[in-house]
N, C-alpha and C. Protein backbone atom coordinates (compact mmCIF):
# COMPACT_ATOMS: atom_id res chain seq x y z
N TYR A 1 -8.61 -8.34 -7.02
CA TYR A 1 -9.38 -7.53 -6.08
C TYR A 1 -10.41 -6.67 -6.81
N ASN A 2 -10.74 -7.04 -8.03
CA ASN A 2 -11.76 -6.25 -8.72
C ASN A 2 -12.93 -7.10 -9.21
N LYS A 3 -13.02 -8.35 -8.80
CA LYS A 3 -14.14 -9.20 -9.21
C LYS A 3 -15.15 -9.40 -8.10
N GLY A 4 -14.73 -9.40 -6.87
CA GLY A 4 -15.66 -9.62 -5.77
C GLY A 4 -14.94 -10.08 -4.52
N VAL A 5 -15.71 -10.57 -3.57
CA VAL A 5 -15.15 -11.07 -2.32
C VAL A 5 -15.67 -12.47 -2.05
N THR A 6 -14.88 -13.23 -1.31
CA THR A 6 -15.28 -14.57 -0.90
C THR A 6 -15.43 -14.57 0.61
N MET A 7 -16.57 -15.03 1.09
CA MET A 7 -16.82 -15.10 2.52
C MET A 7 -16.74 -16.57 2.94
N GLU A 8 -15.98 -16.83 3.97
CA GLU A 8 -15.87 -18.19 4.50
C GLU A 8 -16.59 -18.24 5.84
N GLU A 9 -17.45 -19.24 5.96
CA GLU A 9 -18.24 -19.42 7.18
C GLU A 9 -18.17 -20.90 7.52
N GLY A 10 -17.36 -21.23 8.52
CA GLY A 10 -17.15 -22.64 8.84
C GLY A 10 -16.45 -23.33 7.69
N GLN A 11 -17.01 -24.41 7.19
CA GLN A 11 -16.45 -25.15 6.07
C GLN A 11 -16.97 -24.65 4.72
N LYS A 12 -17.89 -23.71 4.73
CA LYS A 12 -18.50 -23.22 3.49
C LYS A 12 -17.87 -21.91 3.05
N SER A 13 -17.75 -21.75 1.74
CA SER A 13 -17.31 -20.46 1.21
C SER A 13 -18.29 -20.03 0.12
N ARG A 14 -18.46 -18.74 0.02
CA ARG A 14 -19.39 -18.19 -0.97
C ARG A 14 -18.76 -16.97 -1.61
N PHE A 15 -18.84 -16.91 -2.94
CA PHE A 15 -18.30 -15.79 -3.70
C PHE A 15 -19.41 -14.81 -4.03
N PHE A 16 -19.15 -13.53 -3.81
CA PHE A 16 -20.08 -12.47 -4.15
C PHE A 16 -19.48 -11.67 -5.30
N ASP A 17 -20.13 -11.71 -6.44
CA ASP A 17 -19.65 -11.00 -7.63
C ASP A 17 -19.95 -9.52 -7.50
N LEU A 18 -18.90 -8.73 -7.37
CA LEU A 18 -19.05 -7.28 -7.26
C LEU A 18 -18.30 -6.59 -8.41
N SER A 19 -18.15 -7.29 -9.52
CA SER A 19 -17.36 -6.77 -10.64
C SER A 19 -17.96 -5.49 -11.23
N ALA A 20 -19.25 -5.25 -11.05
CA ALA A 20 -19.86 -4.02 -11.56
C ALA A 20 -19.31 -2.78 -10.86
N GLN A 21 -18.72 -2.96 -9.69
CA GLN A 21 -18.13 -1.83 -8.96
C GLN A 21 -16.77 -1.45 -9.50
N LYS A 22 -16.26 -2.21 -10.42
CA LYS A 22 -14.93 -2.02 -10.99
C LYS A 22 -13.89 -2.26 -9.91
N PHE A 23 -13.19 -1.26 -9.46
CA PHE A 23 -12.10 -1.47 -8.52
C PHE A 23 -12.60 -1.38 -7.08
N LEU A 24 -12.45 -2.47 -6.33
CA LEU A 24 -12.83 -2.49 -4.92
C LEU A 24 -11.73 -1.81 -4.13
N ARG A 25 -12.11 -0.93 -3.23
CA ARG A 25 -11.12 -0.12 -2.54
C ARG A 25 -11.03 -0.36 -1.04
N CYS A 26 -12.13 -0.69 -0.40
CA CYS A 26 -12.06 -0.86 1.05
C CYS A 26 -13.11 -1.85 1.54
N LEU A 27 -12.81 -2.46 2.68
CA LEU A 27 -13.70 -3.41 3.33
C LEU A 27 -13.92 -2.96 4.77
N HIS A 28 -15.13 -3.19 5.27
CA HIS A 28 -15.42 -2.90 6.67
C HIS A 28 -16.38 -3.97 7.18
N LEU A 29 -16.02 -4.62 8.28
CA LEU A 29 -16.89 -5.58 8.93
C LEU A 29 -17.50 -4.89 10.15
N SER A 30 -18.81 -4.71 10.13
CA SER A 30 -19.49 -4.00 11.22
C SER A 30 -19.64 -4.92 12.43
N PRO A 31 -19.87 -4.37 13.61
CA PRO A 31 -20.09 -5.18 14.80
C PRO A 31 -21.30 -6.11 14.65
N ASP A 32 -22.25 -5.75 13.79
CA ASP A 32 -23.44 -6.58 13.56
C ASP A 32 -23.17 -7.74 12.61
N GLY A 33 -21.98 -7.79 12.01
CA GLY A 33 -21.64 -8.87 11.09
C GLY A 33 -21.88 -8.56 9.63
N ASP A 34 -22.30 -7.34 9.32
CA ASP A 34 -22.47 -6.93 7.93
C ASP A 34 -21.10 -6.58 7.35
N LEU A 35 -20.91 -6.89 6.07
CA LEU A 35 -19.67 -6.56 5.39
C LEU A 35 -19.96 -5.45 4.39
N TYR A 36 -19.23 -4.36 4.50
CA TYR A 36 -19.37 -3.24 3.57
C TYR A 36 -18.16 -3.25 2.65
N VAL A 37 -18.42 -3.14 1.34
CA VAL A 37 -17.36 -3.14 0.35
C VAL A 37 -17.49 -1.85 -0.46
N GLY A 38 -16.48 -1.01 -0.40
CA GLY A 38 -16.49 0.23 -1.16
C GLY A 38 -15.74 0.04 -2.46
N GLY A 39 -16.38 0.41 -3.54
CA GLY A 39 -15.76 0.30 -4.86
C GLY A 39 -15.72 1.64 -5.55
N GLN A 40 -15.24 1.62 -6.78
CA GLN A 40 -15.12 2.85 -7.55
C GLN A 40 -16.48 3.43 -7.90
N THR A 41 -17.48 2.57 -8.12
CA THR A 41 -18.77 3.06 -8.59
C THR A 41 -19.92 2.87 -7.60
N ALA A 42 -19.70 2.16 -6.50
CA ALA A 42 -20.80 1.90 -5.56
C ALA A 42 -20.27 1.45 -4.20
N LEU A 43 -21.16 1.44 -3.24
CA LEU A 43 -20.92 0.86 -1.92
C LEU A 43 -21.87 -0.32 -1.79
N SER A 44 -21.34 -1.48 -1.46
CA SER A 44 -22.20 -2.66 -1.29
C SER A 44 -22.20 -3.09 0.16
N ARG A 45 -23.34 -3.58 0.58
CA ARG A 45 -23.51 -4.12 1.93
C ARG A 45 -23.93 -5.57 1.79
N ILE A 46 -23.16 -6.47 2.36
CA ILE A 46 -23.49 -7.89 2.36
C ILE A 46 -24.01 -8.20 3.76
N THR A 47 -25.26 -8.61 3.83
CA THR A 47 -25.94 -8.80 5.10
C THR A 47 -26.77 -10.06 5.07
N ARG A 48 -27.08 -10.59 6.23
CA ARG A 48 -27.91 -11.79 6.31
C ARG A 48 -29.35 -11.37 6.56
N GLU A 49 -30.25 -11.86 5.69
CA GLU A 49 -31.68 -11.61 5.83
C GLU A 49 -32.42 -12.94 5.71
N LYS A 50 -33.19 -13.26 6.72
CA LYS A 50 -33.98 -14.50 6.73
C LYS A 50 -33.12 -15.73 6.43
N GLY A 51 -31.91 -15.76 7.00
CA GLY A 51 -31.03 -16.91 6.87
C GLY A 51 -30.23 -16.98 5.58
N ALA A 52 -30.35 -16.00 4.70
CA ALA A 52 -29.60 -16.00 3.44
C ALA A 52 -28.78 -14.71 3.34
N TRP A 53 -27.62 -14.81 2.68
CA TRP A 53 -26.80 -13.62 2.46
C TRP A 53 -27.36 -12.84 1.28
N VAL A 54 -27.45 -11.53 1.45
CA VAL A 54 -28.01 -10.64 0.44
C VAL A 54 -27.02 -9.50 0.19
N VAL A 55 -26.87 -9.13 -1.08
CA VAL A 55 -26.02 -7.99 -1.45
C VAL A 55 -26.91 -6.82 -1.83
N LYS A 56 -26.69 -5.70 -1.18
CA LYS A 56 -27.40 -4.46 -1.52
C LYS A 56 -26.34 -3.45 -1.93
N SER A 57 -26.49 -2.92 -3.13
CA SER A 57 -25.51 -1.95 -3.63
C SER A 57 -26.14 -0.57 -3.73
N TYR A 58 -25.34 0.43 -3.38
CA TYR A 58 -25.80 1.81 -3.39
C TYR A 58 -24.84 2.64 -4.23
N THR A 59 -25.39 3.40 -5.15
CA THR A 59 -24.63 4.36 -5.94
C THR A 59 -25.07 5.75 -5.50
N PRO A 60 -24.37 6.80 -5.92
CA PRO A 60 -24.80 8.14 -5.51
C PRO A 60 -26.26 8.43 -5.88
N ALA A 61 -26.74 7.86 -6.97
CA ALA A 61 -28.12 8.09 -7.39
C ALA A 61 -29.12 7.23 -6.61
N LYS A 62 -28.64 6.15 -5.95
CA LYS A 62 -29.53 5.23 -5.25
C LYS A 62 -29.20 5.15 -3.76
N ALA A 63 -28.78 6.23 -3.17
CA ALA A 63 -28.42 6.22 -1.75
C ALA A 63 -29.66 5.95 -0.90
N PRO A 64 -29.48 5.21 0.22
CA PRO A 64 -30.62 4.88 1.08
C PRO A 64 -31.20 6.10 1.78
C-alpha cells in the first residue's frame, strides 16, 4: 500500500505509481469519478482529461 494504486476499468487495468508519497493513507472516490489518494507527503487526484487518466499531486507548498 505504499507504491501506488491500480484502477480497473472493464477488462483494462492501469497502475499509478504514487511511491513518492511514501505511505498512502486514504482513498476517496468523488461523485464525478475522480480518485483522491492521500499520502504522507502529498494529496494526489487521479482524473480523466481529454480521454486519458492524469495524476495531479499537491503538497503543502503546491496547493491549488
